[in-house]
């Protein structure tokens, strides 16, 4: 279990504890997920960590030699104020980013950084998990490319990248080949917060080859040449989205517009307010029809055995914003920032992103009644 007080933000937590919902899918899935043990905004300084369920028959196992607890990499944010304060202030930003629970901040001490140890010549499956409260991260390892092989527990066709942006709730598996000279290399996780940098080892960890000295690296960051774009990811097993390409061609077509006019998020003009009785308890009681469940306007009922298209757009604050569908993986047939559809082999995952001024479209086959709330 973690050590450290949830209300203390003066130093990074040393350890993190790993929950995630298992998702039915048309694809074989490993599970790389997140456990969050505190509700609402308290997740910002609550107990959280990684949960990994390994597939003993992974068809991409030939690509790596090492896949264990030492190659799980968690990316998170750190605040010097407690979460109940942050929820009332739009624009409150993290003080720094942590990698595997460790990091440095501007004006702070040169505290210990996370070290990822590798042996020259070996190949490592690194499981990246973004479990921040707010920012996304641009992840890279100096001097090394990595190959993406999994997104949110769904295997993808291998794709080589030199930098990747990962949003809260997203998970990627990447293969790193330790084929560089024995040395120390910066592992970078740059958050989208103002005024931050890599100075003094902020937003960083260390990739240390066996035999390298125990010192900070002196490697340099470079401009991305082959960054990850979501639309370049393709599901490996049983690819293809249900439905007909184009807007509005599914059995059920949902269009959700997200706005933030006054610091409160609205979806199609409705702001979610937690009900006095949790939605699941309302369902189990059987006292009401699903269409009458509270809160009004926040629950969408989907029939079984239907193809559902979900299109979302936003023009307000708070983007890019992660979009997560609990319990289901979906096909991202149009990614934010891309105007083309892909129904042939889109990425299948459970967290995508919505950017201001852009659209995303997802398609999924629903095999059981579902409530979206």
Protein backbone atom coordinates (compact mmCIF):
# COMPACT_ATOMS: atom_id res chain seq x y z
CA UNK A 1 0.00 0.00 0.00
CA UNK A 2 1.16 3.56 -0.56
CA UNK A 3 2.95 5.45 2.12
CA UNK A 4 2.32 9.15 2.53
CA UNK A 5 -0.68 11.24 3.52
CA UNK A 6 -3.32 11.89 0.83
CA UNK A 7 -3.48 15.51 1.98
CA UNK A 8 0.25 16.14 1.77
CA UNK A 9 1.65 17.65 -1.42
CA UNK A 10 5.11 18.64 -0.25
CA UNK A 11 6.89 15.56 -1.60
CA UNK A 12 6.07 12.81 -4.08
CA UNK A 13 4.50 9.59 -2.90
CA UNK A 14 7.05 6.78 -2.95
CA UNK A 15 4.69 4.02 -3.97
CA UNK A 16 1.40 3.72 -5.78
CA UNK A 17 -1.22 1.04 -5.51
CA UNK A 18 -2.95 -0.34 -8.41
CA UNK A 19 -8.54 -0.72 -10.46
CA UNK A 20 -9.84 -0.86 -13.75
CA UNK A 21 -13.02 -2.18 -15.28
CA UNK A 22 -12.63 -5.33 -17.37
CA UNK A 23 -14.02 -4.61 -20.82
CA UNK A 24 -15.78 -7.10 -23.08
CA UNK A 25 -14.50 -6.83 -26.63
CA UNK A 26 -14.35 -8.52 -30.00
CA UNK A 27 -10.59 -8.72 -29.48
CA UNK A 28 -8.31 -10.73 -27.23
CA UNK A 29 -7.27 -8.27 -24.55
CA UNK A 30 -4.60 -8.03 -21.99
CA UNK A 31 -5.49 -5.61 -19.26
CA UNK A 32 -3.35 -2.66 -18.34
CA UNK A 33 -5.50 -0.51 -16.13
CA UNK A 34 -5.69 1.91 -13.26
CA UNK A 35 -6.93 1.57 -9.70
CA UNK A 36 -8.33 4.74 -8.17
CA UNK A 37 -9.44 4.35 -4.57
CA UNK A 38 -10.93 7.78 -3.92
CA UNK A 39 -14.00 9.43 -5.52
CA UNK A 40 -14.53 12.73 -7.33
CA UNK A 41 -11.64 15.21 -7.35
CA UNK A 42 -9.99 13.31 -4.49
CA UNK A 43 -8.42 11.07 -7.12
CA UNK A 44 -5.93 13.92 -7.64
CA UNK A 45 -4.28 13.11 -4.33
CA UNK A 46 -5.76 9.70 -3.61
CA UNK A 47 -4.29 6.21 -3.76
CA UNK A 48 -3.88 4.97 -7.33
CA UNK A 49 -1.60 2.80 -9.36
CA UNK A 50 -1.32 0.09 -11.98
CA UNK A 51 -3.13 -3.21 -12.49
CA UNK A 52 -1.71 -5.51 -15.18
CA UNK A 53 -3.16 -8.87 -16.25
CA UNK A 54 -0.77 -10.71 -18.56
CA UNK A 55 -1.71 -12.84 -21.57
CA UNK A 56 0.36 -16.05 -21.53
CA UNK A 57 -0.41 -16.52 -25.25
CA UNK A 58 0.41 -12.99 -26.40
CA UNK A 59 0.90 -13.23 -30.20
CA UNK A 60 3.42 -10.37 -30.06
CA UNK A 61 5.58 -11.97 -27.36
CA UNK A 62 8.27 -12.67 -29.96
CA UNK A 63 9.00 -8.92 -30.04
CA UNK A 64 10.28 -8.57 -26.46
CA UNK A 65 12.36 -10.35 -23.84
CA UNK A 66 11.25 -8.59 -20.64
CA UNK A 67 7.71 -7.73 -19.48
CA UNK A 68 7.36 -7.50 -15.71
CA UNK A 69 6.84 -5.07 -12.85
CA UNK A 70 10.09 -3.26 -13.71
CA UNK A 71 8.71 -2.17 -17.08
CA UNK A 72 5.42 -0.69 -15.84
CA UNK A 73 5.69 3.09 -16.14
CA UNK A 74 3.08 5.31 -14.50
CA UNK A 75 2.74 8.98 -15.47
CA UNK A 76 0.95 11.29 -13.07
CA UNK A 77 0.69 14.90 -11.91
CA UNK A 78 1.52 16.43 -8.54
CA UNK A 79 -0.16 19.38 -6.79
CA UNK A 80 1.03 21.44 -3.83
CA UNK A 81 -2.59 22.06 -2.86
CA UNK A 82 -5.19 19.44 -1.98
CA UNK A 83 -7.79 18.21 -4.45
CA UNK A 84 -10.88 19.75 -2.76
CA UNK A 85 -9.29 23.12 -3.51
CA UNK A 86 -8.50 22.41 -7.16
CA UNK A 87 -12.09 21.48 -8.03
CA UNK A 88 -13.30 25.06 -7.46
CA UNK A 89 -10.70 26.81 -9.62
CA UNK A 90 -10.67 26.50 -13.40
CA UNK A 91 -7.10 26.75 -14.59
CA UNK A 92 -5.40 25.33 -11.49
CA UNK A 93 -2.37 23.48 -12.82
CA UNK A 94 -0.14 20.76 -11.47
CA UNK A 95 3.16 21.73 -9.89
CA UNK A 96 5.05 18.97 -11.68
CA UNK A 97 4.82 15.55 -13.29
CA UNK A 98 5.84 12.25 -11.70
CA UNK A 99 7.14 9.08 -13.32
CA UNK A 100 6.58 6.00 -11.18
CA UNK A 101 5.71 8.27 -8.27
CA UNK A 102 8.94 10.30 -8.27
CA UNK A 103 9.85 13.70 -9.66
CA UNK A 104 11.21 17.19 -9.08
CA UNK A 105 9.61 20.62 -9.15
CA UNK A 106 10.77 24.16 -9.84
CA UNK A 107 12.66 25.55 -6.87
CA UNK A 108 12.68 22.19 -5.11
CA UNK A 109 15.49 19.83 -4.18
CA UNK A 110 17.25 17.44 -6.56
CA UNK A 111 15.24 14.55 -5.16
CA UNK A 112 15.51 10.95 -6.30
CA UNK A 113 14.17 10.14 -9.76
CA UNK A 114 12.72 6.87 -11.00
CA UNK A 115 15.30 4.64 -12.68
CA UNK A 116 14.38 2.13 -15.41
CA UNK A 117 17.18 -0.39 -15.66
CA UNK A 118 17.94 -2.20 -18.93
CA UNK A 119 20.60 -4.57 -20.23
CA UNK A 120 22.21 -3.84 -23.57
CA UNK A 121 20.90 -6.12 -26.29
CA UNK A 122 17.56 -6.96 -24.64
CA UNK A 123 14.07 -5.88 -25.70
CA UNK A 124 11.58 -4.49 -23.17
CA UNK A 125 7.81 -4.22 -23.27
CA UNK A 126 7.08 -1.01 -21.38
CA UNK A 127 3.52 -0.46 -20.23
CA UNK A 128 2.77 3.27 -20.09
CA UNK A 129 -0.15 4.30 -17.90
CA UNK A 130 -1.38 7.90 -17.73
CA UNK A 131 -3.15 8.31 -14.40
CA UNK A 132 -3.04 12.06 -14.02
CA UNK A 133 -5.84 14.18 -12.66
CA UNK A 134 -5.64 16.69 -15.52
CA UNK A 135 -2.65 17.04 -17.90
CA UNK A 136 -1.63 14.85 -20.79
CA UNK A 137 2.02 13.97 -21.38
CA UNK A 138 4.40 13.90 -24.33
CA UNK A 139 6.50 10.80 -23.66
CA UNK A 140 9.89 10.00 -25.16
CA UNK A 141 13.24 8.40 -24.35
CA UNK A 142 16.33 10.24 -25.57
CA UNK A 143 18.16 8.45 -28.35
CA UNK A 144 15.59 5.68 -28.69
CA UNK A 145 12.55 4.99 -30.81
CA UNK A 146 9.84 2.71 -29.43
CA UNK A 147 7.28 0.47 -31.15
CA UNK A 148 3.64 0.74 -30.08
CA UNK A 149 1.97 -2.69 -29.87
CA UNK A 150 -1.08 -2.08 -27.65
CA UNK A 151 -3.58 0.67 -26.85
CA UNK A 152 -5.83 0.39 -23.80
CA UNK A 153 -5.48 -3.38 -23.59
CA UNK A 154 -6.09 -4.05 -27.31
CA UNK A 155 -3.17 -5.22 -29.44
CA UNK A 156 -2.24 -3.06 -32.43
CA UNK A 157 -0.13 -3.58 -35.51
CA UNK A 158 3.42 -2.61 -34.50
CA UNK A 159 4.09 1.09 -35.14
CA UNK A 160 7.47 2.78 -34.62
CA UNK A 161 7.39 6.27 -33.05
CA UNK A 162 9.88 8.62 -31.40
CA UNK A 163 7.37 10.52 -29.25
CA UNK A 164 3.82 9.81 -28.16
CA UNK A 165 1.17 11.89 -26.43
CA UNK A 166 -0.80 10.03 -23.79
CA UNK A 167 -3.96 11.36 -22.13
CA UNK A 168 -5.43 10.63 -18.68
CA UNK A 169 -6.77 7.09 -18.55
CA UNK A 170 -4.93 5.92 -21.67
CA UNK A 171 -2.47 3.03 -21.70
CA UNK A 172 0.09 2.04 -24.30
CA UNK A 173 2.53 -0.84 -24.54
CA UNK A 174 5.73 0.04 -26.35
CA UNK A 175 8.74 -2.11 -27.14
CA UNK A 176 12.14 -0.56 -26.47
CA UNK A 177 15.25 -2.19 -27.91
CA UNK A 178 18.25 -1.48 -25.68
CA UNK A 179 20.74 -1.22 -28.53
CA UNK A 180 22.49 2.04 -27.67
CA UNK A 181 25.87 2.59 -25.96
CA UNK A 182 25.93 1.85 -22.22
CA UNK A 183 24.97 5.16 -20.60
CA UNK A 184 22.16 7.06 -18.88
CA UNK A 185 19.33 8.50 -21.00
CA UNK A 186 16.55 10.89 -20.02
CA UNK A 187 13.02 9.50 -20.02
CA UNK A 188 10.76 12.51 -20.65
CA UNK A 189 7.11 13.03 -19.76
CA UNK A 190 6.29 16.63 -20.63
CA UNK A 191 2.90 17.76 -19.25
CA UNK A 192 0.72 20.37 -20.97
CA UNK A 193 1.02 22.83 -18.09
CA UNK A 194 2.33 26.37 -18.42
CA UNK A 195 5.81 27.43 -17.38
CA UNK A 196 7.28 23.95 -17.01
CA UNK A 197 10.45 22.51 -18.50
CA UNK A 198 12.99 19.71 -18.16
CA UNK A 199 15.39 21.95 -16.18
CA UNK A 200 17.06 20.17 -13.29
CA UNK A 201 15.45 16.85 -14.18
CA UNK A 202 11.85 18.00 -13.90
CA UNK A 203 9.24 15.85 -15.67
CA UNK A 204 11.85 13.14 -16.14
CA UNK A 205 13.13 9.72 -15.14
CA UNK A 206 16.33 7.86 -16.05
CA UNK A 207 16.85 4.96 -18.44
CA UNK A 208 20.02 3.35 -17.10
CA UNK A 209 21.94 0.67 -18.98
CA UNK A 210 23.60 -1.99 -16.86
CA UNK A 211 27.15 -0.80 -16.20
CA UNK A 212 26.39 2.92 -16.48
CA UNK A 213 27.33 5.20 -13.54
CA UNK A 214 24.67 6.33 -11.06
CA UNK A 215 24.47 9.91 -12.32
CA UNK A 216 21.93 12.08 -14.08
CA UNK A 217 22.00 11.80 -17.89
CA UNK A 218 23.39 14.53 -20.14
CA UNK A 219 21.43 13.51 -23.25
CA UNK A 220 19.40 16.00 -25.29
CA UNK A 221 15.77 16.21 -26.31
CA UNK A 222 15.07 16.28 -30.05
CA UNK A 223 12.20 17.34 -32.30
CA UNK A 224 9.82 14.52 -33.16
CA UNK A 225 10.20 13.04 -36.63
CA UNK A 226 7.73 10.15 -36.31
CA UNK A 227 5.27 11.15 -33.56
CA UNK A 228 2.32 8.95 -32.75
CA UNK A 229 -0.93 9.93 -34.45
CA UNK A 230 -3.95 7.96 -33.28
CA UNK A 231 -5.25 7.40 -36.81
CA UNK A 232 -2.05 5.53 -37.68
CA UNK A 233 -2.83 2.84 -35.10
CA UNK A 234 -4.61 -0.27 -36.39
CA UNK A 235 -6.11 -3.11 -34.38
CA UNK A 236 -4.16 -6.35 -34.82
CA UNK A 237 -6.82 -9.02 -34.24
CA UNK A 238 -10.26 -9.00 -35.89
CA UNK A 239 -9.96 -5.43 -37.22
CA UNK A 240 -12.85 -3.51 -38.67
CA UNK A 241 -15.67 -1.40 -37.30
CA UNK A 242 -19.37 -2.25 -37.60
CA UNK A 243 -21.56 0.08 -39.61
CA UNK A 244 -21.42 2.09 -42.83
CA UNK A 245 -18.83 4.87 -43.27
CA UNK A 246 -20.14 8.39 -42.76
CA UNK A 247 -22.15 10.21 -40.16
CA UNK A 248 -25.59 8.95 -39.13
CA UNK A 249 -25.55 5.50 -40.74
CA UNK A 250 -25.67 3.33 -37.61
CA UNK A 251 -28.68 1.79 -35.87
CA UNK A 252 -28.32 4.33 -33.07
CA UNK A 253 -26.65 7.69 -33.77
CA UNK A 254 -25.69 9.86 -30.83
CA UNK A 255 -24.38 13.40 -31.25
CA UNK A 256 -22.94 14.95 -28.12
CA UNK A 257 -21.68 18.53 -27.95
CA UNK A 258 -19.50 19.41 -24.98
CA UNK A 259 -19.40 23.01 -23.77
CA UNK A 260 -17.91 24.84 -20.79
CA UNK A 261 -19.43 28.33 -20.73
CA UNK A 262 -18.90 29.15 -17.05
CA UNK A 263 -16.43 26.65 -15.65
CA UNK A 264 -19.01 23.84 -15.63
CA UNK A 265 -19.11 21.16 -18.31
CA UNK A 266 -22.36 20.57 -20.23
CA UNK A 267 -23.24 17.78 -22.66
CA UNK A 268 -26.04 18.83 -25.02
CA UNK A 269 -26.91 21.60 -22.58
CA UNK A 270 -27.15 19.33 -19.53
CA UNK A 271 -24.69 19.42 -16.64
CA UNK A 272 -24.26 16.19 -14.72
CA UNK A 273 -25.25 16.38 -11.06
CA UNK A 274 -24.59 13.30 -8.93
CA UNK A 275 -27.93 11.79 -7.89
CA UNK A 276 -28.71 11.16 -4.24
CA UNK A 277 -29.15 7.47 -5.14
CA UNK A 278 -26.41 6.02 -7.40
CA UNK A 279 -27.60 5.07 -10.90
CA UNK A 280 -26.67 1.39 -10.46
CA UNK A 281 -28.72 1.16 -7.27
CA UNK A 282 -31.67 2.74 -9.09
CA UNK A 283 -31.38 0.05 -11.76
CA UNK A 284 -31.13 -2.79 -9.25
CA UNK A 285 -34.17 -1.57 -7.32
CA UNK A 286 -36.38 -2.00 -10.42
CA UNK A 287 -38.61 0.79 -9.17
CA UNK A 288 -38.31 2.85 -12.35
CA UNK A 289 -37.98 2.38 -16.07
CA UNK A 290 -34.41 3.11 -17.25
CA UNK A 291 -35.62 6.16 -19.19
CA UNK A 292 -36.79 7.70 -15.90
CA UNK A 293 -33.51 7.30 -14.05
CA UNK A 294 -31.97 10.35 -12.48
CA UNK A 295 -30.29 12.70 -13.18
CA UNK A 296 -32.59 13.82 -16.01
CA UNK A 297 -30.82 14.22 -19.35
CA UNK A 298 -27.66 12.47 -18.16
CA UNK A 299 -28.63 8.85 -18.82
CA UNK A 300 -28.82 7.41 -22.35
CA UNK A 301 -30.45 4.00 -22.78
CA UNK A 302 -29.14 1.77 -25.59
CA UNK A 303 -30.92 -1.36 -26.84
CA UNK A 304 -29.06 -4.64 -27.28
CA UNK A 305 -27.81 -6.00 -30.63
CA UNK A 306 -27.40 -2.56 -32.18
CA UNK A 307 -24.57 -0.69 -33.88
CA UNK A 308 -24.02 2.61 -32.09
CA UNK A 309 -22.25 5.63 -33.56
CA UNK A 310 -21.13 8.24 -31.06
CA UNK A 311 -20.01 11.58 -32.48
CA UNK A 312 -18.67 14.24 -30.14
CA UNK A 313 -17.57 17.82 -30.65
CA UNK A 314 -16.44 20.68 -28.44
CA UNK A 315 -15.45 24.30 -28.73
CA UNK A 316 -14.98 25.13 -25.10
CA UNK A 317 -12.33 25.01 -22.41
CA UNK A 318 -10.75 21.90 -21.03
CA UNK A 319 -9.45 20.31 -24.22
CA UNK A 320 -7.97 18.14 -25.43
CA UNK A 321 -10.14 16.03 -23.14
CA UNK A 322 -10.09 12.24 -22.72
CA UNK A 323 -13.32 10.39 -23.51
CA UNK A 324 -13.79 7.01 -21.80
CA UNK A 325 -16.57 4.45 -22.19
CA UNK A 326 -16.69 2.19 -19.14
CA UNK A 327 -16.82 -1.51 -19.80
CA UNK A 328 -16.47 -1.37 -23.59
CA UNK A 329 -13.78 -1.00 -26.22
CA UNK A 330 -14.90 0.96 -29.28
CA UNK A 331 -13.55 1.58 -32.77
CA UNK A 332 -12.32 5.14 -33.32
CA UNK A 333 -13.48 5.61 -36.91
CA UNK A 334 -12.55 9.31 -36.93
CA UNK A 335 -9.87 10.66 -34.61
CA UNK A 336 -9.69 14.26 -33.40
CA UNK A 337 -7.72 16.33 -35.90
CA UNK A 338 -8.41 13.97 -38.81
CA UNK A 339 -11.22 14.50 -41.32
CA UNK A 340 -11.27 11.01 -42.82
CA UNK A 341 -13.17 7.90 -41.76
CA UNK A 342 -11.60 4.48 -41.29
CA UNK A 343 -13.98 1.55 -40.91
CA UNK A 344 -11.55 -1.03 -42.30
CA UNK A 345 -8.93 -1.18 -39.54
CA UNK A 346 -9.33 1.63 -36.98
CA UNK A 347 -7.77 1.50 -33.55
CA UNK A 348 -10.00 -0.18 -30.97
CA UNK A 349 -9.64 1.18 -27.45
CA UNK A 350 -11.58 2.55 -24.46
CA UNK A 351 -10.15 6.09 -24.15
CA UNK A 352 -9.85 8.57 -27.00
CA UNK A 353 -9.51 12.36 -27.01
CA UNK A 354 -11.66 15.30 -28.00
CA UNK A 355 -9.93 18.55 -28.97
CA UNK A 356 -11.52 22.02 -29.24
CA UNK A 357 -12.89 22.66 -32.72
CA UNK A 358 -12.68 19.01 -33.73
CA UNK A 359 -14.90 15.95 -33.99
CA UNK A 360 -14.43 12.33 -32.98
CA UNK A 361 -16.60 9.47 -34.16
CA UNK A 362 -16.69 6.00 -32.66
CA UNK A 363 -18.57 2.86 -33.61
CA UNK A 364 -19.32 -0.15 -31.47
CA UNK A 365 -21.60 -3.17 -31.54
CA UNK A 366 -23.68 -3.42 -28.35
CA UNK A 367 -24.48 -7.00 -27.37
CA UNK A 368 -26.35 -6.09 -24.18
CA UNK A 369 -28.48 -3.18 -22.97
CA UNK A 370 -26.27 -0.29 -21.89
CA UNK A 371 -26.72 2.89 -19.92
CA UNK A 372 -24.45 5.81 -20.77
CA UNK A 373 -24.19 8.34 -17.97
